[in-house]
Structures are given as structure tokens and as C-alpha cells.
Amino acid sequence: MSSYPSARRDSRTSAPRFTTRQHQVAALIAAGCSNDEVASELGISTATAKKHADTLRHKLGVSRRRQIPFAYREATGIDLLHVQPEPA
């Protein structure tokens, strides 16, 4: 049995809901960033970046980090691999 709490689901669909931070982490993972790079970009600790990645994997039902962008697209319809970055 997993030690993770069950993933929250959108009440209108069976798709998991994601926080703003989880969206940010998923986008950075899709861009190829490591936990250290995610942490640096978002101003959080590496441990927190890893926890966000682990939570995403759990919510998306995947076992590998590299599967996150593909499972995210399936869950949300957002293709993180082809998103244009916002201008600074």
C-alpha cells in the first residue's frame, strides 16, 4: 500500500487536479530540468522540488519522471513539450 494520500480529482471529470506549483514543476520537468534546476528556477529547496515531482508522478500514475510530460498531456490536454515560453 502506498504512503501517498489519494490524488484529488476534479469533481466534473476523473482527471487529477494540479496546483499552480505542480503546473510549474511539470513544465520545467518537460523542459528537461533536474530537481536542482527546478529548485533554482522556483526558489525552493531541491528536496521540495523532488517532493513536487514525486507528487506529480503519483497523481499521474507513472513510475518514471520522464513519463510526466506525456501523462500530463493525457490528464490535462496541455502538451508541455510544445509550449512556447512566456516572454520575461
PDB file of N, CA and C in Angstrom:
ATOM      1  N   MET A   1       0.842  -1.176   0.000  1.00  0.00           N
ATOM      2  CA  MET A   1       0.000   0.000   0.000  1.00  0.00           C
ATOM      3  C   MET A   1       0.889   1.242   0.000  1.00  0.00           C
ATOM      4  N   SER A   2       0.499   2.229  -0.782  1.00  0.00           N
ATOM      5  CA  SER A   2       1.284   3.447  -0.915  1.00  0.00           C
ATOM      6  C   SER A   2       1.124   4.347   0.304  1.00  0.00           C
ATOM      7  N   SER A   3       2.179   5.093   0.625  1.00  0.00           N
ATOM      8  CA  SER A   3       2.103   6.042   1.730  1.00  0.00           C
ATOM      9  C   SER A   3       1.555   7.390   1.277  1.00  0.00           C
ATOM     10  N   TYR A   4       1.293   7.544  -0.026  1.00  0.00           N
ATOM     11  CA  TYR A   4       0.758   8.791  -0.550  1.00  0.00           C
ATOM     12  C   TYR A   4      -0.747   8.864  -0.297  1.00  0.00           C
ATOM     13  N   PRO A   5      -1.265  10.062  -0.030  1.00  0.00           N
ATOM     14  CA  PRO A   5      -2.716  10.197   0.039  1.00  0.00           C
ATOM     15  C   PRO A   5      -3.276  10.039  -1.373  1.00  0.00           C
ATOM     16  N   SER A   6      -4.542   9.716  -1.472  1.00  0.00           N
ATOM     17  CA  SER A   6      -5.121   9.556  -2.804  1.00  0.00           C
ATOM     18  C   SER A   6      -5.109  10.905  -3.532  1.00  0.00           C
ATOM     19  N   ALA A   7      -4.924  10.846  -4.841  1.00  0.00           N
ATOM     20  CA  ALA A   7      -4.866  12.062  -5.644  1.00  0.00           C
ATOM     21  C   ALA A   7      -6.233  12.721  -5.680  1.00  0.00           C
ATOM     22  N   ARG A   8      -6.260  14.020  -5.560  1.00  0.00           N
ATOM     23  CA  ARG A   8      -7.513  14.756  -5.681  1.00  0.00           C
ATOM     24  C   ARG A   8      -7.959  14.713  -7.133  1.00  0.00           C
ATOM     25  N   ARG A   9      -9.231  14.601  -7.319  1.00  0.00           N
ATOM     26  CA  ARG A   9      -9.787  14.542  -8.666  1.00  0.00           C
ATOM     27  C   ARG A   9     -10.746  15.700  -8.856  1.00  0.00           C
ATOM     28  N   ASP A  10     -10.797  16.202 -10.072  1.00  0.00           N
ATOM     29  CA  ASP A  10     -11.755  17.241 -10.420  1.00  0.00           C
ATOM     30  C   ASP A  10     -13.144  16.621 -10.304  1.00  0.00           C
ATOM     31  N   SER A  11     -14.062  17.291  -9.642  1.00  0.00           N
ATOM     32  CA  SER A  11     -15.389  16.721  -9.417  1.00  0.00           C
ATOM     33  C   SER A  11     -16.171  16.537 -10.714  1.00  0.00           C
ATOM     34  N   ARG A  12     -15.815  17.261 -11.765  1.00  0.00           N
ATOM     35  CA  ARG A  12     -16.529  17.153 -13.038  1.00  0.00           C
ATOM     36  C   ARG A  12     -15.969  16.063 -13.931  1.00  0.00           C
ATOM     37  N   THR A  13     -14.744  15.656 -13.696  1.00  0.00           N
ATOM     38  CA  THR A  13     -14.098  14.633 -14.516  1.00  0.00           C
ATOM     39  C   THR A  13     -13.322  13.699 -13.613  1.00  0.00           C
ATOM     40  N   SER A  14     -12.717  12.689 -14.197  1.00  0.00           N
ATOM     41  CA  SER A  14     -11.887  11.799 -13.394  1.00  0.00           C
ATOM     42  C   SER A  14     -10.415  12.218 -13.438  1.00  0.00           C
ATOM     43  N   ALA A  15     -10.127  13.366 -14.039  1.00  0.00           N
ATOM     44  CA  ALA A  15      -8.742  13.842 -14.159  1.00  0.00           C
ATOM     45  C   ALA A  15      -8.270  14.439 -12.838  1.00  0.00           C
ATOM     46  N   PRO A  16      -7.000  14.210 -12.482  1.00  0.00           N
ATOM     47  CA  PRO A  16      -6.474  14.820 -11.259  1.00  0.00           C
ATOM     48  C   PRO A  16      -6.377  16.332 -11.408  1.00  0.00           C
ATOM     49  N   ARG A  17      -6.477  17.045 -10.287  1.00  0.00           N
ATOM     50  CA  ARG A  17      -6.295  18.495 -10.278  1.00  0.00           C
ATOM     51  C   ARG A  17      -4.846  18.781  -9.905  1.00  0.00           C
ATOM     52  N   PHE A  18      -4.321  19.885 -10.416  1.00  0.00           N
ATOM     53  CA  PHE A  18      -2.940  20.263 -10.151  1.00  0.00           C
ATOM     54  C   PHE A  18      -2.889  21.677  -9.610  1.00  0.00           C
ATOM     55  N   THR A  19      -1.977  21.893  -8.657  1.00  0.00           N
ATOM     56  CA  THR A  19      -1.767  23.237  -8.128  1.00  0.00           C
ATOM     57  C   THR A  19      -0.955  24.040  -9.145  1.00  0.00           C
ATOM     58  N   THR A  20      -0.909  25.335  -8.947  1.00  0.00           N
ATOM     59  CA  THR A  20      -0.096  26.191  -9.804  1.00  0.00           C
ATOM     60  C   THR A  20       1.362  25.747  -9.746  1.00  0.00           C
ATOM     61  N   ARG A  21       1.857  25.434  -8.564  1.00  0.00           N
ATOM     62  CA  ARG A  21       3.249  24.998  -8.415  1.00  0.00           C
ATOM     63  C   ARG A  21       3.476  23.680  -9.153  1.00  0.00           C
ATOM     64  N   GLN A  22       2.538  22.759  -9.092  1.00  0.00           N
ATOM     65  CA  GLN A  22       2.678  21.493  -9.803  1.00  0.00           C
ATOM     66  C   GLN A  22       2.716  21.721 -11.320  1.00  0.00           C
ATOM     67  N   HIS A  23       1.926  22.659 -11.821  1.00  0.00           N
ATOM     68  CA  HIS A  23       1.987  23.016 -13.243  1.00  0.00           C
ATOM     69  C   HIS A  23       3.387  23.537 -13.581  1.00  0.00           C
ATOM     70  N   GLN A  24       3.932  24.410 -12.721  1.00  0.00           N
ATOM     71  CA  GLN A  24       5.271  24.964 -12.961  1.00  0.00           C
ATOM     72  C   GLN A  24       6.327  23.870 -12.967  1.00  0.00           C
ATOM     73  N   VAL A  25       6.266  22.981 -11.996  1.00  0.00           N
ATOM     74  CA  VAL A  25       7.246  21.896 -11.909  1.00  0.00           C
ATOM     75  C   VAL A  25       7.125  20.980 -13.114  1.00  0.00           C
ATOM     76  N   ALA A  26       5.908  20.641 -13.503  1.00  0.00           N
ATOM     77  CA  ALA A  26       5.701  19.771 -14.673  1.00  0.00           C
ATOM     78  C   ALA A  26       6.296  20.403 -15.926  1.00  0.00           C
ATOM     79  N   ALA A  27       6.109  21.708 -16.101  1.00  0.00           N
ATOM     80  CA  ALA A  27       6.655  22.399 -17.271  1.00  0.00           C
ATOM     81  C   ALA A  27       8.185  22.368 -17.264  1.00  0.00           C
ATOM     82  N   LEU A  28       8.785  22.563 -16.108  1.00  0.00           N
ATOM     83  CA  LEU A  28      10.242  22.532 -16.014  1.00  0.00           C
ATOM     84  C   LEU A  28      10.790  21.123 -16.234  1.00  0.00           C
ATOM     85  N   ILE A  29      10.081  20.119 -15.743  1.00  0.00           N
ATOM     86  CA  ILE A  29      10.488  18.735 -15.998  1.00  0.00           C
ATOM     87  C   ILE A  29      10.405  18.442 -17.489  1.00  0.00           C
ATOM     88  N   ALA A  30       9.339  18.902 -18.129  1.00  0.00           N
ATOM     89  CA  ALA A  30       9.190  18.707 -19.575  1.00  0.00           C
ATOM     90  C   ALA A  30      10.317  19.388 -20.343  1.00  0.00           C
ATOM     91  N   ALA A  31      10.819  20.492 -19.800  1.00  0.00           N
ATOM     92  CA  ALA A  31      11.919  21.221 -20.435  1.00  0.00           C
ATOM     93  C   ALA A  31      13.271  20.552 -20.178  1.00  0.00           C
ATOM     94  N   GLY A  32      13.262  19.465 -19.390  1.00  0.00           N
ATOM     95  CA  GLY A  32      14.488  18.721 -19.150  1.00  0.00           C
ATOM     96  C   GLY A  32      15.253  19.118 -17.905  1.00  0.00           C
ATOM     97  N   CYS A  33      14.635  19.904 -17.042  1.00  0.00           N
ATOM     98  CA  CYS A  33      15.324  20.363 -15.827  1.00  0.00           C
ATOM     99  C   CYS A  33      15.430  19.255 -14.787  1.00  0.00           C
ATOM    100  N   SER A  34      16.558  19.227 -14.096  1.00  0.00           N
ATOM    101  CA  SER A  34      16.764  18.328 -12.965  1.00  0.00           C
ATOM    102  C   SER A  34      16.076  18.924 -11.739  1.00  0.00           C
ATOM    103  N   ASN A  35      16.023  18.161 -10.650  1.00  0.00           N
ATOM    104  CA  ASN A  35      15.454  18.691  -9.404  1.00  0.00           C
ATOM    105  C   ASN A  35      16.221  19.922  -8.941  1.00  0.00           C
ATOM    106  N   ASP A  36      17.547  19.907  -9.072  1.00  0.00           N
ATOM    107  CA  ASP A  36      18.353  21.071  -8.690  1.00  0.00           C
ATOM    108  C   ASP A  36      17.982  22.295  -9.529  1.00  0.00           C
ATOM    109  N   GLU A  37      17.792  22.091 -10.821  1.00  0.00           N
ATOM    110  CA  GLU A  37      17.434  23.201 -11.714  1.00  0.00           C
ATOM    111  C   GLU A  37      16.018  23.700 -11.436  1.00  0.00           C
ATOM    112  N   VAL A  38      15.080  22.781 -11.176  1.00  0.00           N
ATOM    113  CA  VAL A  38      13.714  23.173 -10.816  1.00  0.00           C
ATOM    114  C   VAL A  38      13.761  24.015  -9.551  1.00  0.00           C
ATOM    115  N   ALA A  39      14.513  23.545  -8.553  1.00  0.00           N
ATOM    116  CA  ALA A  39      14.627  24.263  -7.279  1.00  0.00           C
ATOM    117  C   ALA A  39      15.182  25.672  -7.481  1.00  0.00           C
ATOM    118  N   SER A  40      16.241  25.770  -8.270  1.00  0.00           N
ATOM    119  CA  SER A  40      16.860  27.068  -8.521  1.00  0.00           C
ATOM    120  C   SER A  40      15.897  28.010  -9.238  1.00  0.00           C
ATOM    121  N   GLU A  41      15.221  27.510 -10.232  1.00  0.00           N
ATOM    122  CA  GLU A  41      14.293  28.329 -11.024  1.00  0.00           C
ATOM    123  C   GLU A  41      13.119  28.839 -10.185  1.00  0.00           C
ATOM    124  N   LEU A  42      12.624  27.996  -9.270  1.00  0.00           N
ATOM    125  CA  LEU A  42      11.437  28.345  -8.496  1.00  0.00           C
ATOM    126  C   LEU A  42      11.751  28.901  -7.108  1.00  0.00           C
ATOM    127  N   GLY A  43      13.039  28.918  -6.738  1.00  0.00           N
ATOM    128  CA  GLY A  43      13.417  29.452  -5.430  1.00  0.00           C
ATOM    129  C   GLY A  43      12.971  28.567  -4.284  1.00  0.00           C
ATOM    130  N   ILE A  44      13.042  27.250  -4.485  1.00  0.00           N
ATOM    131  CA  ILE A  44      12.672  26.285  -3.461  1.00  0.00           C
ATOM    132  C   ILE A  44      13.856  25.342  -3.234  1.00  0.00           C
ATOM    133  N   SER A  45      13.773  24.505  -2.221  1.00  0.00           N
ATOM    134  CA  SER A  45      14.855  23.554  -1.976  1.00  0.00           C
ATOM    135  C   SER A  45      14.772  22.395  -2.965  1.00  0.00           C
ATOM    136  N   THR A  46      15.896  21.716  -3.138  1.00  0.00           N
ATOM    137  CA  THR A  46      15.923  20.539  -4.009  1.00  0.00           C
ATOM    138  C   THR A  46      14.990  19.464  -3.462  1.00  0.00           C
ATOM    139  N   ALA A  47      14.929  19.312  -2.152  1.00  0.00           N
ATOM    140  CA  ALA A  47      14.030  18.322  -1.545  1.00  0.00           C
ATOM    141  C   ALA A  47      12.566  18.639  -1.865  1.00  0.00           C
ATOM    142  N   THR A  48      12.216  19.917  -1.847  1.00  0.00           N
ATOM    143  CA  THR A  48      10.849  20.311  -2.173  1.00  0.00           C
ATOM    144  C   THR A  48      10.563  20.062  -3.653  1.00  0.00           C
ATOM    145  N   ALA A  49      11.520  20.350  -4.513  1.00  0.00           N
ATOM    146  CA  ALA A  49      11.353  20.081  -5.947  1.00  0.00           C
ATOM    147  C   ALA A  49      11.139  18.590  -6.180  1.00  0.00           C
ATOM    148  N   LYS A  50      11.907  17.758  -5.477  1.00  0.00           N
ATOM    149  CA  LYS A  50      11.759  16.309  -5.599  1.00  0.00           C
ATOM    150  C   LYS A  50      10.383  15.868  -5.113  1.00  0.00           C
ATOM    151  N   LYS A  51       9.924  16.441  -4.012  1.00  0.00           N
ATOM    152  CA  LYS A  51       8.600  16.094  -3.480  1.00  0.00           C
ATOM    153  C   LYS A  51       7.513  16.458  -4.490  1.00  0.00           C
ATOM    154  N   HIS A  52       7.623  17.621  -5.122  1.00  0.00           N
ATOM    155  CA  HIS A  52       6.640  18.005  -6.147  1.00  0.00           C
ATOM    156  C   HIS A  52       6.661  17.013  -7.311  1.00  0.00           C
ATOM    157  N   ALA A  53       7.856  16.620  -7.748  1.00  0.00           N
ATOM    158  CA  ALA A  53       7.973  15.650  -8.847  1.00  0.00           C
ATOM    159  C   ALA A  53       7.367  14.307  -8.443  1.00  0.00           C
ATOM    160  N   ASP A  54       7.625  13.876  -7.218  1.00  0.00           N
ATOM    161  CA  ASP A  54       7.056  12.612  -6.727  1.00  0.00           C
ATOM    162  C   ASP A  54       5.532  12.686  -6.667  1.00  0.00           C
ATOM    163  N   THR A  55       5.006  13.819  -6.213  1.00  0.00           N
ATOM    164  CA  THR A  55       3.559  14.004  -6.140  1.00  0.00           C
ATOM    165  C   THR A  55       2.949  13.972  -7.546  1.00  0.00           C
ATOM    166  N   LEU A  56       3.614  14.626  -8.494  1.00  0.00           N
ATOM    167  CA  LEU A  56       3.139  14.588  -9.879  1.00  0.00           C
ATOM    168  C   LEU A  56       3.117  13.156 -10.411  1.00  0.00           C
ATOM    169  N   ARG A  57       4.195  12.423 -10.173  1.00  0.00           N
ATOM    170  CA  ARG A  57       4.243  11.027 -10.636  1.00  0.00           C
ATOM    171  C   ARG A  57       3.090  10.225 -10.051  1.00  0.00           C
ATOM    172  N   HIS A  58       2.827  10.423  -8.767  1.00  0.00           N
ATOM    173  CA  HIS A  58       1.745   9.703  -8.103  1.00  0.00           C
ATOM    174  C   HIS A  58       0.383  10.090  -8.698  1.00  0.00           C
ATOM    175  N   LYS A  59       0.121  11.385  -8.800  1.00  0.00           N
ATOM    176  CA  LYS A  59      -1.163  11.847  -9.341  1.00  0.00           C
ATOM    177  C   LYS A  59      -1.389  11.350 -10.768  1.00  0.00           C
ATOM    178  N   LEU A  60      -0.302  11.291 -11.531  1.00  0.00           N
ATOM    179  CA  LEU A  60      -0.407  10.889 -12.932  1.00  0.00           C
ATOM    180  C   LEU A  60      -0.334   9.371 -13.115  1.00  0.00           C
ATOM    181  N   GLY A  61       0.033   8.663 -12.072  1.00  0.00           N
ATOM    182  CA  GLY A  61       0.089   7.212 -12.141  1.00  0.00           C
ATOM    183  C   GLY A  61       1.243   6.678 -12.966  1.00  0.00           C
ATOM    184  N   VAL A  62       2.378   7.395 -12.922  1.00  0.00           N
ATOM    185  CA  VAL A  62       3.559   6.937 -13.666  1.00  0.00           C
ATOM    186  C   VAL A  62       4.697   6.648 -12.693  1.00  0.00           C
ATOM    187  N   SER A  63       5.602   5.778 -13.120  1.00  0.00           N
ATOM    188  CA  SER A  63       6.692   5.403 -12.228  1.00  0.00           C
ATOM    189  C   SER A  63       7.992   6.139 -12.523  1.00  0.00           C
ATOM    190  N   ARG A  64       8.092   6.747 -13.688  1.00  0.00           N
ATOM    191  CA  ARG A  64       9.334   7.421 -14.069  1.00  0.00           C
ATOM    192  C   ARG A  64       9.093   8.902 -14.347  1.00  0.00           C
ATOM    193  N   ARG A  65      10.043   9.690 -13.933  1.00  0.00           N
ATOM    194  CA  ARG A  65       9.982  11.148 -14.105  1.00  0.00           C
ATOM    195  C   ARG A  65       9.800  11.539 -15.571  1.00  0.00           C
ATOM    196  N   ARG A  66      10.482  10.838 -16.458  1.00  0.00           N
ATOM    197  CA  ARG A  66      10.409  11.196 -17.884  1.00  0.00           C
ATOM    198  C   ARG A  66       9.032  10.942 -18.487  1.00  0.00           C
ATOM    199  N   GLN A  67       8.157  10.230 -17.785  1.00  0.00           N
ATOM    200  CA  GLN A  67       6.802   9.984 -18.262  1.00  0.00           C
ATOM    201  C   GLN A  67       5.850  11.132 -17.915  1.00  0.00           C
ATOM    202  N   ILE A  68       6.272  12.020 -17.031  1.00  0.00           N
ATOM    203  CA  ILE A  68       5.395  13.091 -16.556  1.00  0.00           C
ATOM    204  C   ILE A  68       4.822  13.938 -17.693  1.00  0.00           C
ATOM    205  N   PRO A  69       5.628  14.444 -18.634  1.00  0.00           N
ATOM    206  CA  PRO A  69       5.037  15.298 -19.678  1.00  0.00           C
ATOM    207  C   PRO A  69       3.959  14.585 -20.513  1.00  0.00           C
ATOM    208  N   PHE A  70       4.151  13.310 -20.766  1.00  0.00           N
ATOM    209  CA  PHE A  70       3.201  12.566 -21.589  1.00  0.00           C
ATOM    210  C   PHE A  70       1.907  12.277 -20.818  1.00  0.00           C
ATOM    211  N   ALA A  71       2.034  11.877 -19.567  1.00  0.00           N
ATOM    212  CA  ALA A  71       0.865  11.617 -18.731  1.00  0.00           C
ATOM    213  C   ALA A  71       0.127  12.917 -18.425  1.00  0.00           C
ATOM    214  N   TYR A  72       0.877  14.009 -18.265  1.00  0.00           N
ATOM    215  CA  TYR A  72       0.277  15.321 -18.013  1.00  0.00           C
ATOM    216  C   TYR A  72      -0.596  15.734 -19.199  1.00  0.00           C
ATOM    217  N   ARG A  73      -0.085  15.502 -20.418  1.00  0.00           N
ATOM    218  CA  ARG A  73      -0.861  15.819 -21.625  1.00  0.00           C
ATOM    219  C   ARG A  73      -2.150  15.001 -21.652  1.00  0.00           C
ATOM    220  N   GLU A  74      -2.054  13.732 -21.291  1.00  0.00           N
ATOM    221  CA  GLU A  74      -3.249  12.873 -21.265  1.00  0.00           C
ATOM    222  C   GLU A  74      -4.262  13.368 -20.237  1.00  0.00           C
ATOM    223  N   ALA A  75      -3.787  13.821 -19.085  1.00  0.00           N
ATOM    224  CA  ALA A  75      -4.667  14.243 -17.996  1.00  0.00           C
ATOM    225  C   ALA A  75      -5.267  15.629 -18.205  1.00  0.00           C
ATOM    226  N   THR A  76      -4.501  16.522 -18.849  1.00  0.00           N
ATOM    227  CA  THR A  76      -4.932  17.921 -18.931  1.00  0.00           C
ATOM    228  C   THR A  76      -5.196  18.414 -20.346  1.00  0.00           C
ATOM    229  N   GLY A  77      -4.645  17.733 -21.343  1.00  0.00           N
ATOM    230  CA  GLY A  77      -4.737  18.214 -22.719  1.00  0.00           C
ATOM    231  C   GLY A  77      -3.675  19.244 -23.051  1.00  0.00           C
ATOM    232  N   ILE A  78      -2.798  19.542 -22.101  1.00  0.00           N
ATOM    233  CA  ILE A  78      -1.735  20.532 -22.303  1.00  0.00           C
ATOM    234  C   ILE A  78      -0.449  19.806 -22.675  1.00  0.00           C
ATOM    235  N   ASP A  79       0.088  20.108 -23.834  1.00  0.00           N
ATOM    236  CA  ASP A  79       1.324  19.485 -24.296  1.00  0.00           C
ATOM    237  C   ASP A  79       2.502  20.342 -23.853  1.00  0.00           C
ATOM    238  N   LEU A  80       3.104  19.969 -22.735  1.00  0.00           N
ATOM    239  CA  LEU A  80       4.211  20.738 -22.170  1.00  0.00           C
ATOM    240  C   LEU A  80       5.460  20.696 -23.032  1.00  0.00           C
ATOM    241  N   LEU A  81       5.564  19.712 -23.899  1.00  0.00           N
ATOM    242  CA  LEU A  81       6.748  19.594 -24.748  1.00  0.00           C
ATOM    243  C   LEU A  81       6.721  20.608 -25.894  1.00  0.00           C
ATOM    244  N   HIS A  82       5.568  21.220 -26.152  1.00  0.00           N
ATOM    245  CA  HIS A  82       5.453  22.163 -27.252  1.00  0.00           C
ATOM    246  C   HIS A  82       4.864  23.498 -26.844  1.00  0.00           C
ATOM    247  N   VAL A  83       5.000  23.834 -25.579  1.00  0.00           N
ATOM    248  CA  VAL A  83       4.509  25.117 -25.068  1.00  0.00           C
ATOM    249  C   VAL A  83       5.567  26.170 -25.292  1.00  0.00           C
ATOM    250  N   GLN A  84       5.165  27.313 -25.817  1.00  0.00           N
ATOM    251  CA  GLN A  84       6.089  28.429 -26.005  1.00  0.00           C
ATOM    252  C   GLN A  84       6.284  29.132 -24.669  1.00  0.00           C
ATOM    253  N   PRO A  85       7.523  29.394 -24.267  1.00  0.00           N
ATOM    254  CA  PRO A  85       7.749  30.098 -23.002  1.00  0.00           C
ATOM    255  C   PRO A  85       7.194  31.514 -23.051  1.00  0.00           C
ATOM    256  N   GLU A  86       6.728  31.982 -21.894  1.00  0.00           N
ATOM    257  CA  GLU A  86       6.215  33.345 -21.807  1.00  0.00           C
ATOM    258  C   GLU A  86       7.392  34.319 -21.844  1.00  0.00           C
ATOM    259  N   PRO A  87       7.210  35.462 -22.500  1.00  0.00           N
ATOM    260  CA  PRO A  87       8.299  36.454 -22.510  1.00  0.00           C
ATOM    261  C   PRO A  87       8.547  37.005 -21.113  1.00  0.00           C
ATOM    262  N   ALA A  88       9.800  37.304 -20.828  1.00  0.00           N
ATOM    263  CA  ALA A  88      10.154  37.809 -19.492  1.00  0.00           C
ATOM    264  C   ALA A  88       9.756  39.237 -19.305  1.00  0.00           C
TER     265      ALA A  88
END
